[in-house]
């Protein structure tokens, strides 16, 4: 598979994550915390690809609340690549540290 094909698939996941932004922003802290066991249960049932957009959107919102930093799309792409066992390259200043916390 070409890099462009892989990148296109990952960009589609980023679009899904972005579409979930408002859903998670509207949740209280308690509601947000309650999502973790729900996602863990789905993960245990092997639904890893199904929960990926929700997991990334959840982490993005938790990061925004906890450290006042929100992941940019390029950082989401890096996290998705790493999740899929790929190598991700980022230049100085592109947020490598926050990417690995996805």
N, C-alpha and C. Protein backbone atom coordinates (compact mmCIF):
# COMPACT_ATOMS: atom_id res chain seq x y z
N UNK A 1 0.83 -1.18 0.00
CA UNK A 1 0.00 0.00 0.00
C UNK A 1 0.87 1.25 0.00
N UNK A 2 0.41 2.23 -0.71
CA UNK A 2 1.19 3.46 -0.77
C UNK A 2 0.94 4.31 0.47
N UNK A 3 1.87 5.21 0.74
CA UNK A 3 1.70 6.12 1.87
C UNK A 3 0.45 6.98 1.71
N UNK A 4 0.15 7.38 0.47
CA UNK A 4 -1.02 8.22 0.24
C UNK A 4 -2.31 7.49 0.61
N UNK A 5 -2.37 6.21 0.30
CA UNK A 5 -3.55 5.42 0.65
C UNK A 5 -3.70 5.31 2.17
N UNK A 6 -2.60 5.03 2.84
CA UNK A 6 -2.61 4.94 4.31
C UNK A 6 -2.99 6.28 4.93
N UNK A 7 -2.43 7.35 4.39
CA UNK A 7 -2.70 8.69 4.90
C UNK A 7 -4.18 9.05 4.71
N UNK A 8 -4.75 8.67 3.59
CA UNK A 8 -6.16 8.94 3.32
C UNK A 8 -7.05 8.23 4.35
N UNK A 9 -6.72 6.98 4.65
CA UNK A 9 -7.49 6.24 5.66
C UNK A 9 -7.40 6.91 7.02
N UNK A 10 -6.19 7.35 7.38
CA UNK A 10 -6.00 7.99 8.68
C UNK A 10 -6.70 9.35 8.73
N UNK A 11 -6.69 10.08 7.62
CA UNK A 11 -7.38 11.37 7.58
C UNK A 11 -8.89 11.20 7.75
N UNK A 12 -9.42 10.09 7.26
CA UNK A 12 -10.85 9.81 7.46
C UNK A 12 -11.15 9.61 8.95
N UNK A 13 -10.25 8.98 9.66
CA UNK A 13 -10.42 8.80 11.11
C UNK A 13 -10.35 10.15 11.80
N UNK A 14 -9.44 11.01 11.37
CA UNK A 14 -9.33 12.36 11.95
C UNK A 14 -10.65 13.11 11.75
N UNK A 15 -11.25 12.99 10.58
CA UNK A 15 -12.55 13.63 10.32
C UNK A 15 -13.61 13.12 11.30
N UNK A 16 -13.59 11.83 11.57
CA UNK A 16 -14.54 11.26 12.52
C UNK A 16 -14.29 11.80 13.93
N UNK A 17 -13.01 11.91 14.31
CA UNK A 17 -12.65 12.46 15.62
C UNK A 17 -13.16 13.89 15.73
N UNK A 18 -12.93 14.68 14.69
CA UNK A 18 -13.37 16.07 14.70
C UNK A 18 -14.89 16.18 14.78
N UNK A 19 -15.59 15.26 14.14
CA UNK A 19 -17.06 15.27 14.18
C UNK A 19 -17.59 14.97 15.58
N UNK A 20 -16.79 14.31 16.41
CA UNK A 20 -17.20 13.97 17.77
C UNK A 20 -16.84 15.05 18.79
N UNK A 21 -16.15 16.07 18.37
CA UNK A 21 -15.64 17.11 19.28
C UNK A 21 -16.74 17.71 20.15
N UNK A 22 -17.82 18.16 19.54
CA UNK A 22 -18.91 18.79 20.30
C UNK A 22 -19.56 17.83 21.29
N UNK A 23 -19.69 16.58 20.88
CA UNK A 23 -20.29 15.57 21.76
C UNK A 23 -19.54 15.50 23.09
N UNK A 24 -18.21 15.43 23.02
CA UNK A 24 -17.41 15.31 24.23
C UNK A 24 -17.26 16.63 24.97
N UNK A 25 -17.26 17.73 24.25
CA UNK A 25 -17.16 19.03 24.91
C UNK A 25 -18.38 19.31 25.78
N UNK A 26 -19.53 18.81 25.37
CA UNK A 26 -20.78 19.05 26.11
C UNK A 26 -20.89 18.20 27.37
N UNK A 27 -20.07 17.17 27.49
CA UNK A 27 -20.14 16.27 28.64
C UNK A 27 -19.52 16.91 29.88
N UNK A 28 -20.11 16.58 31.02
CA UNK A 28 -19.51 16.99 32.29
C UNK A 28 -18.26 16.14 32.52
N UNK A 29 -17.46 16.53 33.50
CA UNK A 29 -16.27 15.73 33.82
C UNK A 29 -16.65 14.30 34.18
N UNK A 30 -17.73 14.13 34.92
CA UNK A 30 -18.18 12.80 35.33
C UNK A 30 -18.62 11.98 34.11
N UNK A 31 -19.35 12.61 33.20
CA UNK A 31 -19.78 11.90 32.00
C UNK A 31 -18.58 11.51 31.14
N UNK A 32 -17.61 12.41 31.08
CA UNK A 32 -16.41 12.12 30.30
C UNK A 32 -15.66 10.92 30.89
N UNK A 33 -15.50 10.91 32.21
CA UNK A 33 -14.82 9.79 32.88
C UNK A 33 -15.57 8.48 32.68
N UNK A 34 -16.89 8.56 32.62
CA UNK A 34 -17.71 7.35 32.46
C UNK A 34 -17.53 6.70 31.09
N UNK A 35 -16.96 7.43 30.14
CA UNK A 35 -16.74 6.87 28.80
C UNK A 35 -15.63 5.84 28.78
N UNK A 36 -14.66 5.96 29.66
CA UNK A 36 -13.51 5.05 29.66
C UNK A 36 -13.93 3.60 29.84
N UNK A 37 -14.73 3.25 30.86
CA UNK A 37 -15.12 1.84 30.98
C UNK A 37 -15.95 1.34 29.80
N UNK A 38 -16.72 2.23 29.21
CA UNK A 38 -17.52 1.85 28.03
C UNK A 38 -16.59 1.47 26.88
N UNK A 39 -15.59 2.32 26.65
CA UNK A 39 -14.64 2.04 25.57
C UNK A 39 -13.79 0.81 25.88
N UNK A 40 -13.42 0.62 27.14
CA UNK A 40 -12.63 -0.56 27.52
C UNK A 40 -13.42 -1.84 27.27
N UNK A 41 -14.70 -1.81 27.55
CA UNK A 41 -15.54 -2.99 27.32
C UNK A 41 -15.61 -3.32 25.83
N UNK A 42 -15.80 -2.30 25.01
CA UNK A 42 -15.83 -2.53 23.57
C UNK A 42 -14.48 -3.04 23.07
N UNK A 43 -13.41 -2.49 23.63
CA UNK A 43 -12.06 -2.92 23.25
C UNK A 43 -11.86 -4.40 23.60
N UNK A 44 -12.32 -4.79 24.78
CA UNK A 44 -12.19 -6.18 25.22
C UNK A 44 -12.96 -7.13 24.30
N UNK A 45 -13.99 -6.61 23.66
CA UNK A 45 -14.79 -7.42 22.73
C UNK A 45 -14.22 -7.40 21.32
N UNK A 46 -13.04 -6.76 21.17
CA UNK A 46 -12.38 -6.77 19.87
C UNK A 46 -12.83 -5.68 18.92
N UNK A 47 -13.53 -4.70 19.42
CA UNK A 47 -14.05 -3.63 18.55
C UNK A 47 -13.09 -2.45 18.49
N UNK A 48 -11.82 -2.74 18.26
CA UNK A 48 -10.79 -1.69 18.34
C UNK A 48 -10.96 -0.62 17.27
N UNK A 49 -11.22 -1.00 16.05
CA UNK A 49 -11.37 -0.01 14.98
C UNK A 49 -12.63 0.82 15.17
N UNK A 50 -13.65 0.21 15.73
CA UNK A 50 -14.92 0.91 15.96
C UNK A 50 -14.77 2.02 17.00
N UNK A 51 -13.96 1.79 18.02
CA UNK A 51 -13.84 2.76 19.11
C UNK A 51 -12.75 3.80 18.89
N UNK A 52 -11.93 3.62 17.87
CA UNK A 52 -10.79 4.50 17.67
C UNK A 52 -11.17 5.99 17.61
N UNK A 53 -12.14 6.39 16.79
CA UNK A 53 -12.49 7.82 16.77
C UNK A 53 -12.97 8.34 18.13
N UNK A 54 -13.77 7.55 18.83
CA UNK A 54 -14.25 7.97 20.14
C UNK A 54 -13.10 8.06 21.15
N UNK A 55 -12.20 7.10 21.10
CA UNK A 55 -11.07 7.11 22.04
C UNK A 55 -10.20 8.34 21.82
N UNK A 56 -9.92 8.67 20.58
CA UNK A 56 -9.09 9.83 20.29
C UNK A 56 -9.82 11.13 20.63
N UNK A 57 -11.12 11.19 20.36
CA UNK A 57 -11.89 12.39 20.70
C UNK A 57 -11.97 12.57 22.21
N UNK A 58 -12.09 11.47 22.92
CA UNK A 58 -12.14 11.51 24.39
C UNK A 58 -10.81 12.02 24.96
N UNK A 59 -9.72 11.49 24.47
CA UNK A 59 -8.40 11.92 24.95
C UNK A 59 -8.16 13.39 24.59
N UNK A 60 -8.58 13.78 23.42
CA UNK A 60 -8.41 15.18 23.00
C UNK A 60 -9.14 16.12 23.97
N UNK A 61 -10.36 15.77 24.31
CA UNK A 61 -11.14 16.61 25.24
C UNK A 61 -10.56 16.57 26.64
N UNK A 62 -10.13 15.41 27.09
CA UNK A 62 -9.52 15.30 28.43
C UNK A 62 -8.25 16.15 28.50
N UNK A 63 -7.47 16.14 27.44
CA UNK A 63 -6.26 16.94 27.39
C UNK A 63 -6.60 18.43 27.42
N UNK A 64 -7.61 18.80 26.70
CA UNK A 64 -8.03 20.21 26.67
C UNK A 64 -8.42 20.68 28.07
N UNK A 65 -9.12 19.83 28.79
CA UNK A 65 -9.56 20.19 30.14
C UNK A 65 -8.42 20.14 31.15
N UNK A 66 -7.58 19.14 31.05
CA UNK A 66 -6.55 18.92 32.08
C UNK A 66 -5.34 19.84 31.92
N UNK A 67 -4.87 20.01 30.70
CA UNK A 67 -3.65 20.80 30.52
C UNK A 67 -3.83 21.98 29.56
N UNK A 68 -5.09 22.21 29.19
CA UNK A 68 -5.43 23.34 28.33
C UNK A 68 -4.71 23.29 26.98
N UNK A 69 -4.53 22.07 26.47
CA UNK A 69 -3.93 21.88 25.15
C UNK A 69 -4.78 20.89 24.39
N UNK A 70 -5.11 21.26 23.18
CA UNK A 70 -5.94 20.41 22.33
C UNK A 70 -5.11 19.89 21.17
N UNK A 71 -5.22 18.61 20.88
CA UNK A 71 -4.46 18.01 19.79
C UNK A 71 -4.90 18.58 18.44
N UNK A 72 -3.92 18.93 17.64
CA UNK A 72 -4.19 19.36 16.27
C UNK A 72 -4.34 18.11 15.39
N UNK A 73 -4.90 18.31 14.21
CA UNK A 73 -5.12 17.18 13.31
C UNK A 73 -3.82 16.43 13.00
N UNK A 74 -2.73 17.14 12.81
CA UNK A 74 -1.45 16.49 12.49
C UNK A 74 -1.00 15.61 13.67
N UNK A 75 -1.31 16.02 14.88
CA UNK A 75 -0.97 15.22 16.06
C UNK A 75 -1.86 14.00 16.15
N UNK A 76 -3.13 14.16 15.77
CA UNK A 76 -4.03 13.00 15.71
C UNK A 76 -3.53 12.00 14.68
N UNK A 77 -3.10 12.50 13.52
CA UNK A 77 -2.55 11.62 12.48
C UNK A 77 -1.36 10.84 13.01
N UNK A 78 -0.48 11.51 13.73
CA UNK A 78 0.68 10.85 14.30
C UNK A 78 0.26 9.77 15.30
N UNK A 79 -0.71 10.07 16.13
CA UNK A 79 -1.20 9.10 17.11
C UNK A 79 -1.84 7.89 16.45
N UNK A 80 -2.60 8.14 15.39
CA UNK A 80 -3.25 7.04 14.66
C UNK A 80 -2.18 6.17 14.00
N UNK A 81 -1.18 6.80 13.42
CA UNK A 81 -0.08 6.04 12.80
C UNK A 81 0.60 5.16 13.84
N UNK A 82 0.92 5.73 14.99
CA UNK A 82 1.58 4.97 16.06
C UNK A 82 0.68 3.83 16.55
N UNK A 83 -0.61 4.11 16.70
CA UNK A 83 -1.55 3.08 17.13
C UNK A 83 -1.54 1.90 16.16
N UNK A 84 -1.41 2.22 14.87
CA UNK A 84 -1.41 1.17 13.84
C UNK A 84 -0.04 0.54 13.64
N UNK A 85 0.91 0.85 14.52
CA UNK A 85 2.23 0.25 14.44
C UNK A 85 3.12 0.83 13.36
N UNK A 86 2.78 2.01 12.89
CA UNK A 86 3.55 2.68 11.85
C UNK A 86 4.57 3.62 12.49
N UNK A 87 5.48 4.06 11.69
CA UNK A 87 6.45 5.06 12.13
C UNK A 87 5.91 6.42 11.73
N UNK A 88 5.92 7.35 12.67
CA UNK A 88 5.45 8.70 12.39
C UNK A 88 6.59 9.68 12.58
N UNK A 89 6.77 10.56 11.63
CA UNK A 89 7.82 11.56 11.72
C UNK A 89 7.19 12.93 11.96
N UNK A 90 7.76 13.66 12.88
CA UNK A 90 7.29 15.02 13.15
C UNK A 90 8.51 15.91 13.34
N UNK A 91 8.40 17.10 12.81
CA UNK A 91 9.51 18.05 12.91
C UNK A 91 9.45 18.79 14.23
N UNK A 92 10.50 19.51 14.52
CA UNK A 92 10.57 20.31 15.73
C UNK A 92 9.39 21.26 15.78
N UNK A 93 8.70 21.29 16.91
CA UNK A 93 7.59 22.21 17.10
C UNK A 93 6.24 21.68 16.65
N UNK A 94 6.18 20.44 16.17
CA UNK A 94 4.91 19.89 15.71
C UNK A 94 4.16 19.11 16.78
N UNK A 95 4.67 19.08 18.00
CA UNK A 95 3.94 18.48 19.09
C UNK A 95 4.12 16.98 19.27
N UNK A 96 5.34 16.53 19.21
CA UNK A 96 5.60 15.09 19.39
C UNK A 96 5.17 14.62 20.77
N UNK A 97 5.42 15.42 21.79
CA UNK A 97 5.11 15.00 23.15
C UNK A 97 3.62 14.77 23.33
N UNK A 98 2.81 15.70 22.90
CA UNK A 98 1.35 15.55 23.07
C UNK A 98 0.82 14.45 22.16
N UNK A 99 1.48 14.19 21.03
CA UNK A 99 1.06 13.12 20.13
C UNK A 99 1.14 11.76 20.81
N UNK A 100 2.20 11.52 21.56
CA UNK A 100 2.37 10.19 22.16
C UNK A 100 1.39 9.94 23.28
N UNK A 101 0.75 10.99 23.81
CA UNK A 101 -0.23 10.79 24.86
C UNK A 101 -1.60 10.42 24.34
N UNK A 102 -1.75 10.32 23.03
CA UNK A 102 -2.99 9.85 22.47
C UNK A 102 -3.01 8.38 22.66
